Amino acid sequence: MNKSRIALVVLVTAALLGLAAWLLWPQPAPPKPEPVSQPVSGPAVTATPVPSNDPPPVIRHPVQAIEAAEPAAPKPLPALGQSDARVQQELNSLVGRKNVLTFLLLESFVRRVVATVDNLGREHAAPSMWPVPPTAGRFATLKRGEIDIINPDNGQRYVSLVQFIESVDAKKAVQLYARLYPLFQEAYVELGFPKAYFNDRLVAVIDQLLATPVIEDPLAVALVDVKGPIASERPWTRYEFADDKFQSLAAGQKMLLRTGPVNHRRLRVKLLEYRKLLTKAELPATVKP
């Protein structure tokens, strides 16, 4: 596995400001992106709005329904392209400056969170858009007869991150997300969804992750053969699940499976907590409480 953080921190950072994810097992040939996001760095590309008579999107999970914090005079929000300083200030207050510097990438943070949350529900989650830096260590496997399995010790790489996720005050994080929500919605429209509602997408992706089964037995993996004259310098980045049932899951679901059953269960508890704070809607039939 390439050096990366668990994609699921994205979900937490997206709850901090839109919950988000981390940890990618790179695919041998990433598919074409469905919507193309704006570059993270460089001048923002602006477009002239086109008038439309289309009705606004139907909102399933309105942010206005989120329980607000104690009444206070709201601060005016900055423009999306100038929001990094405000976001850093808010995150420092929520989780502490040291944790912010350790776990998050603050440049174009809102755009990164929105793109990553959306991609978690798709086939591929581009690491260039993650709101988190790489982590040390390699994806490890073991031989079991003729097959490779994920090394049970691989989950130890993510223990400190899981502990950080569990330490975040979910209620305060979601309230902060609600206060800054216009920035997330603007980034979602910019990403290519002018008629959709980001909080609806966030809840849908969380439900998809919650539907991922916890697999107790070791998972078989296979090294993808990449033909070419130049040998790969990082072969551990080319593993995929041997079982098509798992390999065909969305990027975020595969990320959860790779963390191992212990971390998966702990992260699932936190996801349920965020989900209850984000919406009062019932869980879908595919999700067991």
C-alpha atoms as a PDB file:
ATOM      1  CA  MET A   1       0.000   0.000   0.000  1.00  0.00           C
ATOM      2  CA  ASN A   2       1.310   3.468  -0.773  1.00  0.00           C
ATOM      3  CA  LYS A   3       2.158   5.815   2.042  1.00  0.00           C
ATOM      4  CA  SER A   4      -1.117   7.355   3.011  1.00  0.00           C
ATOM      5  CA  ARG A   5      -3.430   8.084   5.853  1.00  0.00           C
ATOM      6  CA  ILE A   6      -6.657   6.277   6.370  1.00  0.00           C
ATOM      7  CA  ALA A   7      -9.257   7.747   4.105  1.00  0.00           C
ATOM      8  CA  LEU A   8     -11.708   7.743   6.919  1.00  0.00           C
ATOM      9  CA  VAL A   9     -10.107  10.714   8.601  1.00  0.00           C
ATOM     10  CA  VAL A  10     -11.698  12.552   5.798  1.00  0.00           C
ATOM     11  CA  LEU A  11     -15.016  11.666   7.265  1.00  0.00           C
ATOM     12  CA  VAL A  12     -13.927  13.059  10.584  1.00  0.00           C
ATOM     13  CA  THR A  13     -12.473  16.189   9.052  1.00  0.00           C
ATOM     14  CA  ALA A  14     -15.684  16.478   7.090  1.00  0.00           C
ATOM     15  CA  ALA A  15     -17.483  16.355  10.422  1.00  0.00           C
ATOM     16  CA  LEU A  16     -15.058  18.944  11.681  1.00  0.00           C
ATOM     17  CA  LEU A  17     -15.816  20.894   8.548  1.00  0.00           C
ATOM     18  CA  GLY A  18     -17.573  18.350   6.439  1.00  0.00           C
ATOM     19  CA  LEU A  19     -16.320  14.916   7.704  1.00  0.00           C
ATOM     20  CA  ALA A  20     -13.734  13.259   5.352  1.00  0.00           C
ATOM     21  CA  ALA A  21     -11.261  10.097   4.740  1.00  0.00           C
ATOM     22  CA  TRP A  22      -7.931   8.683   4.361  1.00  0.00           C
ATOM     23  CA  LEU A  23      -5.958   5.559   3.341  1.00  0.00           C
ATOM     24  CA  LEU A  24      -5.866   4.594  -0.320  1.00  0.00           C
ATOM     25  CA  TRP A  25      -4.948   1.374  -1.934  1.00  0.00           C
ATOM     26  CA  PRO A  26      -4.010   2.669  -5.411  1.00  0.00           C
ATOM     27  CA  GLN A  27      -5.720   1.095  -8.400  1.00  0.00           C
ATOM     28  CA  PRO A  28      -3.570   0.079 -11.361  1.00  0.00           C
ATOM     29  CA  ALA A  29      -5.499   2.317 -13.736  1.00  0.00           C
ATOM     30  CA  PRO A  30      -7.660   5.029 -12.132  1.00  0.00           C
ATOM     31  CA  PRO A  31     -10.901   5.616 -14.018  1.00  0.00           C
ATOM     32  CA  LYS A  32     -11.794   8.887 -15.588  1.00  0.00           C
ATOM     33  CA  PRO A  33     -13.133  11.293 -12.958  1.00  0.00           C
ATOM     34  CA  GLU A  34     -16.824  11.922 -13.126  1.00  0.00           C
ATOM     35  CA  PRO A  35     -16.776  15.603 -12.175  1.00  0.00           C
ATOM     36  CA  VAL A  36     -13.440  17.412 -12.356  1.00  0.00           C
ATOM     37  CA  SER A  37     -12.628  19.551  -9.347  1.00  0.00           C
ATOM     38  CA  GLN A  38     -10.754  22.816  -9.424  1.00  0.00           C
ATOM     39  CA  PRO A  39      -6.989  22.650  -8.863  1.00  0.00           C
ATOM     40  CA  VAL A  40      -6.014  22.788  -5.205  1.00  0.00           C
ATOM     41  CA  SER A  41      -3.359  25.401  -5.810  1.00  0.00           C
ATOM     42  CA  GLY A  42      -3.111  28.329  -8.165  1.00  0.00           C
ATOM     43  CA  PRO A  43      -5.661  30.978  -9.020  1.00  0.00           C
ATOM     44  CA  ALA A  44      -9.264  29.952  -8.816  1.00  0.00           C
ATOM     45  CA  VAL A  45     -11.147  29.656 -12.076  1.00  0.00           C
ATOM     46  CA  THR A  46     -14.336  31.629 -12.014  1.00  0.00           C
ATOM     47  CA  ALA A  47     -17.283  31.290 -14.331  1.00  0.00           C
ATOM     48  CA  THR A  48     -20.164  33.579 -15.126  1.00  0.00           C
ATOM     49  CA  PRO A  49     -23.334  32.117 -13.596  1.00  0.00           C
ATOM     50  CA  VAL A  50     -25.887  31.024 -16.154  1.00  0.00           C
ATOM     51  CA  PRO A  51     -29.454  31.978 -15.245  1.00  0.00           C
ATOM     52  CA  SER A  52     -31.696  28.969 -14.798  1.00  0.00           C
ATOM     53  CA  ASN A  53     -35.385  28.482 -14.264  1.00  0.00           C
ATOM     54  CA  ASP A  54     -34.879  24.938 -12.987  1.00  0.00           C
ATOM     55  CA  PRO A  55     -36.321  24.252  -9.527  1.00  0.00           C
ATOM     56  CA  PRO A  56     -33.828  23.970  -6.665  1.00  0.00           C
ATOM     57  CA  PRO A  57     -32.740  20.456  -5.639  1.00  0.00           C
ATOM     58  CA  VAL A  58     -34.862  18.459  -3.222  1.00  0.00           C
ATOM     59  CA  ILE A  59     -32.984  18.456   0.092  1.00  0.00           C
ATOM     60  CA  ARG A  60     -33.213  15.251   2.115  1.00  0.00           C
ATOM     61  CA  HIS A  61     -30.935  16.166   5.030  1.00  0.00           C
ATOM     62  CA  PRO A  62     -31.034  19.952   5.620  1.00  0.00           C
ATOM     63  CA  VAL A  63     -28.142  21.391   7.577  1.00  0.00           C
ATOM     64  CA  GLN A  64     -30.636  23.704   9.298  1.00  0.00           C
ATOM     65  CA  ALA A  65     -31.961  20.641  11.161  1.00  0.00           C
ATOM     66  CA  ILE A  66     -28.611  20.110  12.908  1.00  0.00           C
ATOM     67  CA  GLU A  67     -28.744  21.073  16.568  1.00  0.00           C
ATOM     68  CA  ALA A  68     -27.087  24.453  16.912  1.00  0.00           C
ATOM     69  CA  ALA A  69     -24.617  25.505  19.551  1.00  0.00           C
ATOM     70  CA  GLU A  70     -25.450  28.149  22.114  1.00  0.00           C
ATOM     71  CA  PRO A  71     -26.726  31.375  20.505  1.00  0.00           C
ATOM     72  CA  ALA A  72     -23.963  33.704  19.405  1.00  0.00           C
ATOM     73  CA  ALA A  73     -23.442  36.423  16.867  1.00  0.00           C
ATOM     74  CA  PRO A  74     -22.347  34.553  13.721  1.00  0.00           C
ATOM     75  CA  LYS A  75     -19.129  35.674  12.072  1.00  0.00           C
ATOM     76  CA  PRO A  76     -19.395  36.529   8.371  1.00  0.00           C
ATOM     77  CA  LEU A  77     -17.893  33.774   6.240  1.00  0.00           C
ATOM     78  CA  PRO A  78     -14.924  34.526   3.991  1.00  0.00           C
ATOM     79  CA  ALA A  79     -14.932  33.749   0.287  1.00  0.00           C
ATOM     80  CA  LEU A  80     -14.168  30.107  -0.479  1.00  0.00           C
ATOM     81  CA  GLY A  81     -10.801  30.955  -2.003  1.00  0.00           C
ATOM     82  CA  GLN A  82      -9.785  32.900   1.108  1.00  0.00           C
ATOM     83  CA  SER A  83     -11.212  30.539   3.716  1.00  0.00           C
ATOM     84  CA  ASP A  84      -8.064  28.650   4.784  1.00  0.00           C
ATOM     85  CA  ALA A  85      -7.115  31.036   7.611  1.00  0.00           C
ATOM     86  CA  ARG A  86     -10.629  30.949   9.082  1.00  0.00           C
ATOM     87  CA  VAL A  87     -10.784  27.170   8.778  1.00  0.00           C
ATOM     88  CA  GLN A  88      -7.432  26.773  10.535  1.00  0.00           C
ATOM     89  CA  GLN A  89      -8.526  29.065  13.353  1.00  0.00           C
ATOM     90  CA  GLU A  90     -11.741  27.090  13.874  1.00  0.00           C
ATOM     91  CA  LEU A  91      -9.964  23.729  13.746  1.00  0.00           C
ATOM     92  CA  ASN A  92      -7.306  24.873  16.183  1.00  0.00           C
ATOM     93  CA  SER A  93     -10.079  25.722  18.640  1.00  0.00           C
ATOM     94  CA  LEU A  94     -11.795  22.387  18.097  1.00  0.00           C
ATOM     95  CA  VAL A  95      -8.971  19.832  18.173  1.00  0.00           C
ATOM     96  CA  GLY A  96      -5.841  21.784  19.069  1.00  0.00           C
ATOM     97  CA  ARG A  97      -3.097  23.259  16.923  1.00  0.00           C
ATOM     98  CA  LYS A  98      -0.803  20.245  17.342  1.00  0.00           C
ATOM     99  CA  ASN A  99      -3.422  17.827  16.030  1.00  0.00           C
ATOM    100  CA  VAL A 100      -4.225  20.147  13.132  1.00  0.00           C
ATOM    101  CA  LEU A 101      -0.574  20.304  12.090  1.00  0.00           C
ATOM    102  CA  THR A 102      -0.159  16.537  12.536  1.00  0.00           C
ATOM    103  CA  PHE A 103      -3.232  15.221  10.760  1.00  0.00           C
ATOM    104  CA  LEU A 104      -4.471  17.818   8.273  1.00  0.00           C
ATOM    105  CA  LEU A 105      -3.454  19.685   5.121  1.00  0.00           C
ATOM    106  CA  LEU A 106      -4.983  23.137   5.352  1.00  0.00           C
ATOM    107  CA  GLU A 107      -4.379  24.503   1.867  1.00  0.00           C
ATOM    108  CA  SER A 108      -7.759  24.530   0.050  1.00  0.00           C
ATOM    109  CA  PHE A 109      -9.065  22.425   2.919  1.00  0.00           C
ATOM    110  CA  VAL A 110     -12.775  22.828   2.164  1.00  0.00           C
ATOM    111  CA  ARG A 111     -12.293  21.876  -1.489  1.00  0.00           C
ATOM    112  CA  ARG A 112     -10.187  18.872  -0.483  1.00  0.00           C
ATOM    113  CA  VAL A 113     -12.796  17.647   1.992  1.00  0.00           C
ATOM    114  CA  VAL A 114     -15.663  17.973  -0.473  1.00  0.00           C
ATOM    115  CA  ALA A 115     -13.791  16.213  -3.285  1.00  0.00           C
ATOM    116  CA  THR A 116     -12.639  13.391  -1.015  1.00  0.00           C
ATOM    117  CA  VAL A 117     -16.034  12.803   0.574  1.00  0.00           C
ATOM    118  CA  ASP A 118     -17.589  12.589  -2.879  1.00  0.00           C
ATOM    119  CA  ASN A 119     -14.876  10.237  -4.139  1.00  0.00           C
ATOM    120  CA  LEU A 120     -15.193   7.860  -1.177  1.00  0.00           C
ATOM    121  CA  GLY A 121     -18.469   6.688  -2.671  1.00  0.00           C
ATOM    122  CA  ARG A 122     -16.906   6.081  -6.067  1.00  0.00           C
ATOM    123  CA  GLU A 123     -14.397   3.628  -7.506  1.00  0.00           C
ATOM    124  CA  HIS A 124     -11.330   5.762  -6.939  1.00  0.00           C
ATOM    125  CA  ALA A 125     -10.384   8.420  -4.371  1.00  0.00           C
ATOM    126  CA  ALA A 126      -7.605  10.565  -5.817  1.00  0.00           C
ATOM    127  CA  PRO A 127      -4.873  11.123  -3.191  1.00  0.00           C
ATOM    128  CA  SER A 128      -3.997  14.497  -4.709  1.00  0.00           C
ATOM    129  CA  MET A 129      -7.220  15.861  -3.219  1.00  0.00           C
ATOM    130  CA  TRP A 130      -6.956  14.368   0.280  1.00  0.00           C
ATOM    131  CA  PRO A 131      -6.985  16.826   3.205  1.00  0.00           C
ATOM    132  CA  VAL A 132      -4.330  14.755   5.024  1.00  0.00           C
ATOM    133  CA  PRO A 133      -0.557  14.172   4.671  1.00  0.00           C
ATOM    134  CA  PRO A 134       1.077  10.763   4.127  1.00  0.00           C
ATOM    135  CA  THR A 135       1.833   8.453   7.012  1.00  0.00           C
ATOM    136  CA  ALA A 136       4.892   6.290   7.518  1.00  0.00           C
ATOM    137  CA  GLY A 137       5.006   2.575   6.850  1.00  0.00           C
ATOM    138  CA  ARG A 138       4.087   0.176   4.076  1.00  0.00           C
ATOM    139  CA  PHE A 139       1.124  -2.052   3.418  1.00  0.00           C
ATOM    140  CA  ALA A 140       2.182  -5.512   4.644  1.00  0.00           C
ATOM    141  CA  THR A 141       1.110  -9.001   3.526  1.00  0.00           C
ATOM    142  CA  LEU A 142       1.740 -12.595   4.588  1.00  0.00           C
ATOM    143  CA  LYS A 143       1.871 -15.828   2.611  1.00  0.00           C
ATOM    144  CA  ARG A 144      -0.800 -18.399   3.433  1.00  0.00           C
ATOM    145  CA  GLY A 145      -0.210 -21.370   1.202  1.00  0.00           C
ATOM    146  CA  GLU A 146      -0.406 -20.134  -2.359  1.00  0.00           C
ATOM    147  CA  ILE A 147      -2.145 -16.837  -1.563  1.00  0.00           C
ATOM    148  CA  ASP A 148      -1.221 -13.536   0.029  1.00  0.00           C
ATOM    149  CA  ILE A 149      -3.283 -12.156   2.900  1.00  0.00           C
ATOM    150  CA  ILE A 150      -3.243  -8.792   4.637  1.00  0.00           C
ATOM    151  CA  ASN A 151      -0.832  -8.977   7.551  1.00  0.00           C
ATOM    152  CA  PRO A 152      -2.887  -8.731  10.790  1.00  0.00           C
ATOM    153  CA  ASP A 153      -0.217  -6.387  12.163  1.00  0.00           C
ATOM    154  CA  ASN A 154      -0.953  -3.936   9.361  1.00  0.00           C
ATOM    155  CA  GLY A 155      -3.739  -2.376  11.439  1.00  0.00           C
ATOM    156  CA  GLN A 156      -1.241  -1.161  14.045  1.00  0.00           C
ATOM    157  CA  ARG A 157      -0.163   1.582  11.652  1.00  0.00           C
ATOM    158  CA  TYR A 158      -3.499   3.329  12.149  1.00  0.00           C
ATOM    159  CA  VAL A 159      -4.017   3.050  15.890  1.00  0.00           C
ATOM    160  CA  SER A 160      -2.883   6.609  16.678  1.00  0.00           C
ATOM    161  CA  LEU A 161      -5.144   7.997  13.972  1.00  0.00           C
ATOM    162  CA  VAL A 162      -8.135   6.016  15.220  1.00  0.00           C
ATOM    163  CA  GLN A 163      -7.468   7.287  18.720  1.00  0.00           C
ATOM    164  CA  PHE A 164      -7.428  10.850  17.405  1.00  0.00           C
ATOM    165  CA  ILE A 165     -10.732  10.284  15.591  1.00  0.00           C
ATOM    166  CA  GLU A 166     -12.295   8.912  18.773  1.00  0.00           C
ATOM    167  CA  SER A 167     -11.059  11.897  20.786  1.00  0.00           C
ATOM    168  CA  VAL A 168     -12.859  14.504  18.656  1.00  0.00           C
ATOM    169  CA  ASP A 169     -16.005  15.983  20.199  1.00  0.00           C
ATOM    170  CA  ALA A 170     -18.446  14.936  17.489  1.00  0.00           C
ATOM    171  CA  LYS A 171     -21.227  17.310  18.526  1.00  0.00           C
ATOM    172  CA  LYS A 172     -18.981  20.378  18.428  1.00  0.00           C
ATOM    173  CA  ALA A 173     -17.451  19.196  15.157  1.00  0.00           C
ATOM    174  CA  VAL A 174     -20.826  18.867  13.449  1.00  0.00           C
ATOM    175  CA  GLN A 175     -21.982  22.227  14.802  1.00  0.00           C
ATOM    176  CA  LEU A 176     -18.856  23.813  13.330  1.00  0.00           C
ATOM    177  CA  TYR A 177     -19.552  22.074  10.017  1.00  0.00           C
ATOM    178  CA  ALA A 178     -23.075  23.517  10.025  1.00  0.00           C
ATOM    179  CA  ARG A 179     -21.806  27.053  10.692  1.00  0.00           C
ATOM    180  CA  LEU A 180     -19.366  26.818   7.785  1.00  0.00           C
ATOM    181  CA  TYR A 181     -21.707  24.853   5.534  1.00  0.00           C
ATOM    182  CA  PRO A 182     -22.111  27.531   2.796  1.00  0.00           C
ATOM    183  CA  LEU A 183     -18.407  27.066   1.994  1.00  0.00           C
ATOM    184  CA  PHE A 184     -18.859  23.311   1.566  1.00  0.00           C
ATOM    185  CA  GLN A 185     -21.930  23.772  -0.591  1.00  0.00           C
ATOM    186  CA  GLU A 186     -20.095  26.276  -2.791  1.00  0.00           C
ATOM    187  CA  ALA A 187     -17.200  23.848  -3.216  1.00  0.00           C
ATOM    188  CA  TYR A 188     -19.626  21.069  -4.133  1.00  0.00           C
ATOM    189  CA  VAL A 189     -21.251  23.224  -6.817  1.00  0.00           C
ATOM    190  CA  GLU A 190     -17.771  24.130  -8.056  1.00  0.00           C
ATOM    191  CA  LEU A 191     -16.890  20.432  -8.194  1.00  0.00           C
ATOM    192  CA  GLY A 192     -19.595  19.920 -10.782  1.00  0.00           C
ATOM    193  CA  PHE A 193     -22.875  19.445  -8.893  1.00  0.00           C
ATOM    194  CA  PRO A 194     -24.858  22.691  -9.251  1.00  0.00           C
ATOM    195  CA  LYS A 195     -28.186  20.973  -8.573  1.00  0.00           C
ATOM    196  CA  ALA A 196     -27.143  18.812  -5.634  1.00  0.00           C
ATOM    197  CA  TYR A 197     -26.796  19.311  -1.877  1.00  0.00           C
ATOM    198  CA  PHE A 198     -23.481  18.401  -0.244  1.00  0.00           C
ATOM    199  CA  ASN A 199     -24.909  17.316   3.111  1.00  0.00           C
ATOM    200  CA  ASP A 200     -27.127  14.816   1.286  1.00  0.00           C
ATOM    201  CA  ARG A 201     -24.023  13.403  -0.404  1.00  0.00           C
ATOM    202  CA  LEU A 202     -22.157  13.283   2.906  1.00  0.00           C
ATOM    203  CA  VAL A 203     -24.940  11.306   4.605  1.00  0.00           C
ATOM    204  CA  ALA A 204     -25.206   8.960   1.608  1.00  0.00           C
ATOM    205  CA  VAL A 205     -21.468   8.224   1.719  1.00  0.00           C
ATOM    206  CA  ILE A 206     -21.576   7.631   5.484  1.00  0.00           C
ATOM    207  CA  ASP A 207     -24.471   5.184   4.973  1.00  0.00           C
ATOM    208  CA  GLN A 208     -22.453   3.410   2.301  1.00  0.00           C
ATOM    209  CA  LEU A 209     -19.489   3.101   4.655  1.00  0.00           C
ATOM    210  CA  LEU A 210     -21.713   1.882   7.489  1.00  0.00           C
ATOM    211  CA  ALA A 211     -23.032  -0.862   5.188  1.00  0.00           C
ATOM    212  CA  THR A 212     -19.511  -2.262   4.781  1.00  0.00           C
ATOM    213  CA  PRO A 213     -19.315  -5.645   6.536  1.00  0.00           C
ATOM    214  CA  VAL A 214     -16.678  -6.153   9.234  1.00  0.00           C
ATOM    215  CA  ILE A 215     -14.576  -9.073   8.021  1.00  0.00           C
ATOM    216  CA  GLU A 216     -12.918 -11.008  10.826  1.00  0.00           C
ATOM    217  CA  ASP A 217     -10.999 -13.491   8.684  1.00  0.00           C
ATOM    218  CA  PRO A 218      -7.780 -12.449   6.900  1.00  0.00           C
ATOM    219  CA  LEU A 219      -8.503 -10.967   3.486  1.00  0.00           C
ATOM    220  CA  ALA A 220      -6.736 -12.390   0.438  1.00  0.00           C
ATOM    221  CA  VAL A 221      -4.981  -9.954  -1.856  1.00  0.00           C
ATOM    222  CA  ALA A 222      -3.206 -10.193  -5.185  1.00  0.00           C
ATOM    223  CA  LEU A 223      -0.383  -8.182  -6.700  1.00  0.00           C
ATOM    224  CA  VAL A 224      -1.510  -6.595  -9.944  1.00  0.00           C
ATOM    225  CA  ASP A 225       0.855  -7.303 -12.823  1.00  0.00           C
ATOM    226  CA  VAL A 226       1.893  -4.085 -14.516  1.00  0.00           C
ATOM    227  CA  LYS A 227       3.724  -4.742 -17.762  1.00  0.00           C
ATOM    228  CA  GLY A 228       6.519  -2.465 -18.890  1.00  0.00           C
ATOM    229  CA  PRO A 229      10.284  -2.176 -19.204  1.00  0.00           C
ATOM    230  CA  ILE A 230      10.723  -0.294 -15.917  1.00  0.00           C
ATOM    231  CA  ALA A 231      10.305  -2.218 -12.667  1.00  0.00           C
ATOM    232  CA  SER A 232       8.037  -0.714 -10.033  1.00  0.00           C
ATOM    233  CA  GLU A 233       9.916   0.926  -7.180  1.00  0.00           C
ATOM    234  CA  ARG A 234       6.907   0.505  -4.874  1.00  0.00           C
ATOM    235  CA  PRO A 235       5.277  -2.856  -5.604  1.00  0.00           C
ATOM    236  CA  TRP A 236       3.302  -2.718  -2.341  1.00  0.00           C
ATOM    237  CA  THR A 237       1.084  -0.079  -3.957  1.00  0.00           C
ATOM    238  CA  ARG A 238      -0.277  -2.568  -6.503  1.00  0.00           C
ATOM    239  CA  TYR A 239      -2.251  -4.932  -4.271  1.00  0.00           C
ATOM    240  CA  GLU A 240      -5.971  -5.408  -4.718  1.00  0.00           C
ATOM    241  CA  PHE A 241      -8.509  -7.748  -3.134  1.00  0.00           C
ATOM    242  CA  ALA A 242      -8.447 -11.222  -4.651  1.00  0.00           C
ATOM    243  CA  ASP A 243     -12.206 -11.572  -4.147  1.00  0.00           C
ATOM    244  CA  ASP A 244     -14.181  -9.565  -6.714  1.00  0.00           C
ATOM    245  CA  LYS A 245     -16.904  -9.113  -4.087  1.00  0.00           C
ATOM    246  CA  PHE A 246     -14.552  -6.870  -2.108  1.00  0.00           C
ATOM    247  CA  GLN A 247     -12.600  -5.379  -4.992  1.00  0.00           C
ATOM    248  CA  SER A 248     -15.822  -4.104  -6.566  1.00  0.00           C
ATOM    249  CA  LEU A 249     -16.738  -2.072  -3.465  1.00  0.00           C
ATOM    250  CA  ALA A 250     -16.452   1.716  -3.418  1.00  0.00           C
ATOM    251  CA  ALA A 251     -13.093   3.253  -2.536  1.00  0.00           C
ATOM    252  CA  GLY A 252     -14.161   4.206   0.983  1.00  0.00           C
ATOM    253  CA  GLN A 253     -15.499   0.733   1.739  1.00  0.00           C
ATOM    254  CA  LYS A 254     -12.250  -0.915   0.647  1.00  0.00           C
ATOM    255  CA  MET A 255     -10.333   1.539   2.792  1.00  0.00           C
ATOM    256  CA  LEU A 256     -12.340   0.470   5.829  1.00  0.00           C
ATOM    257  CA  LEU A 257     -11.644  -3.211   5.162  1.00  0.00           C
ATOM    258  CA  ARG A 258      -7.908  -2.568   4.892  1.00  0.00           C
ATOM    259  CA  THR A 259      -7.750  -1.028   8.352  1.00  0.00           C
ATOM    260  CA  GLY A 260      -8.536  -4.431   9.890  1.00  0.00           C
ATOM    261  CA  PRO A 261     -11.578  -5.578  11.891  1.00  0.00           C
ATOM    262  CA  VAL A 262     -10.605  -3.930  15.205  1.00  0.00           C
ATOM    263  CA  ASN A 263     -10.104  -0.481  13.691  1.00  0.00           C
ATOM    264  CA  HIS A 264     -13.128  -0.970  11.429  1.00  0.00           C
ATOM    265  CA  ARG A 265     -15.436  -1.575  14.388  1.00  0.00           C
ATOM    266  CA  ARG A 266     -14.085   1.419  16.305  1.00  0.00           C
ATOM    267  CA  LEU A 267     -14.439   3.699  13.290  1.00  0.00           C
ATOM    268  CA  ARG A 268     -17.933   2.410  12.622  1.00  0.00           C
ATOM    269  CA  VAL A 269     -19.023   3.487  16.121  1.00  0.00           C
ATOM    270  CA  LYS A 270     -17.763   7.000  15.407  1.00  0.00           C
ATOM    271  CA  LEU A 271     -19.458   7.080  12.005  1.00  0.00           C
ATOM    272  CA  LEU A 272     -22.779   6.190  13.618  1.00  0.00           C
ATOM    273  CA  GLU A 273     -22.308   9.013  16.122  1.00  0.00           C
ATOM    274  CA  TYR A 274     -21.692  11.553  13.360  1.00  0.00           C
ATOM    275  CA  ARG A 275     -24.583  10.236  11.320  1.00  0.00           C
ATOM    276  CA  LYS A 276     -27.038  10.742  14.196  1.00  0.00           C
ATOM    277  CA  LEU A 277     -25.829  14.324  14.590  1.00  0.00           C
ATOM    278  CA  LEU A 278     -25.980  15.122  10.887  1.00  0.00           C
ATOM    279  CA  THR A 279     -29.531  13.896  10.269  1.00  0.00           C
ATOM    280  CA  LYS A 280     -32.549  12.543  12.106  1.00  0.00           C
ATOM    281  CA  ALA A 281     -33.436  10.302   9.160  1.00  0.00           C
ATOM    282  CA  GLU A 282     -33.614   6.576   9.843  1.00  0.00           C
ATOM    283  CA  LEU A 283     -30.780   4.323   8.793  1.00  0.00           C
ATOM    284  CA  PRO A 284     -31.337   2.534   5.471  1.00  0.00           C
ATOM    285  CA  ALA A 285     -32.152  -1.169   5.506  1.00  0.00           C
ATOM    286  CA  THR A 286     -28.614  -1.957   4.313  1.00  0.00           C
ATOM    287  CA  VAL A 287     -27.140  -0.634   7.577  1.00  0.00           C
ATOM    288  CA  LYS A 288     -27.307  -2.511  10.846  1.00  0.00           C
ATOM    289  CA  PRO A 289     -27.309  -0.234  13.924  1.00  0.00           C
END
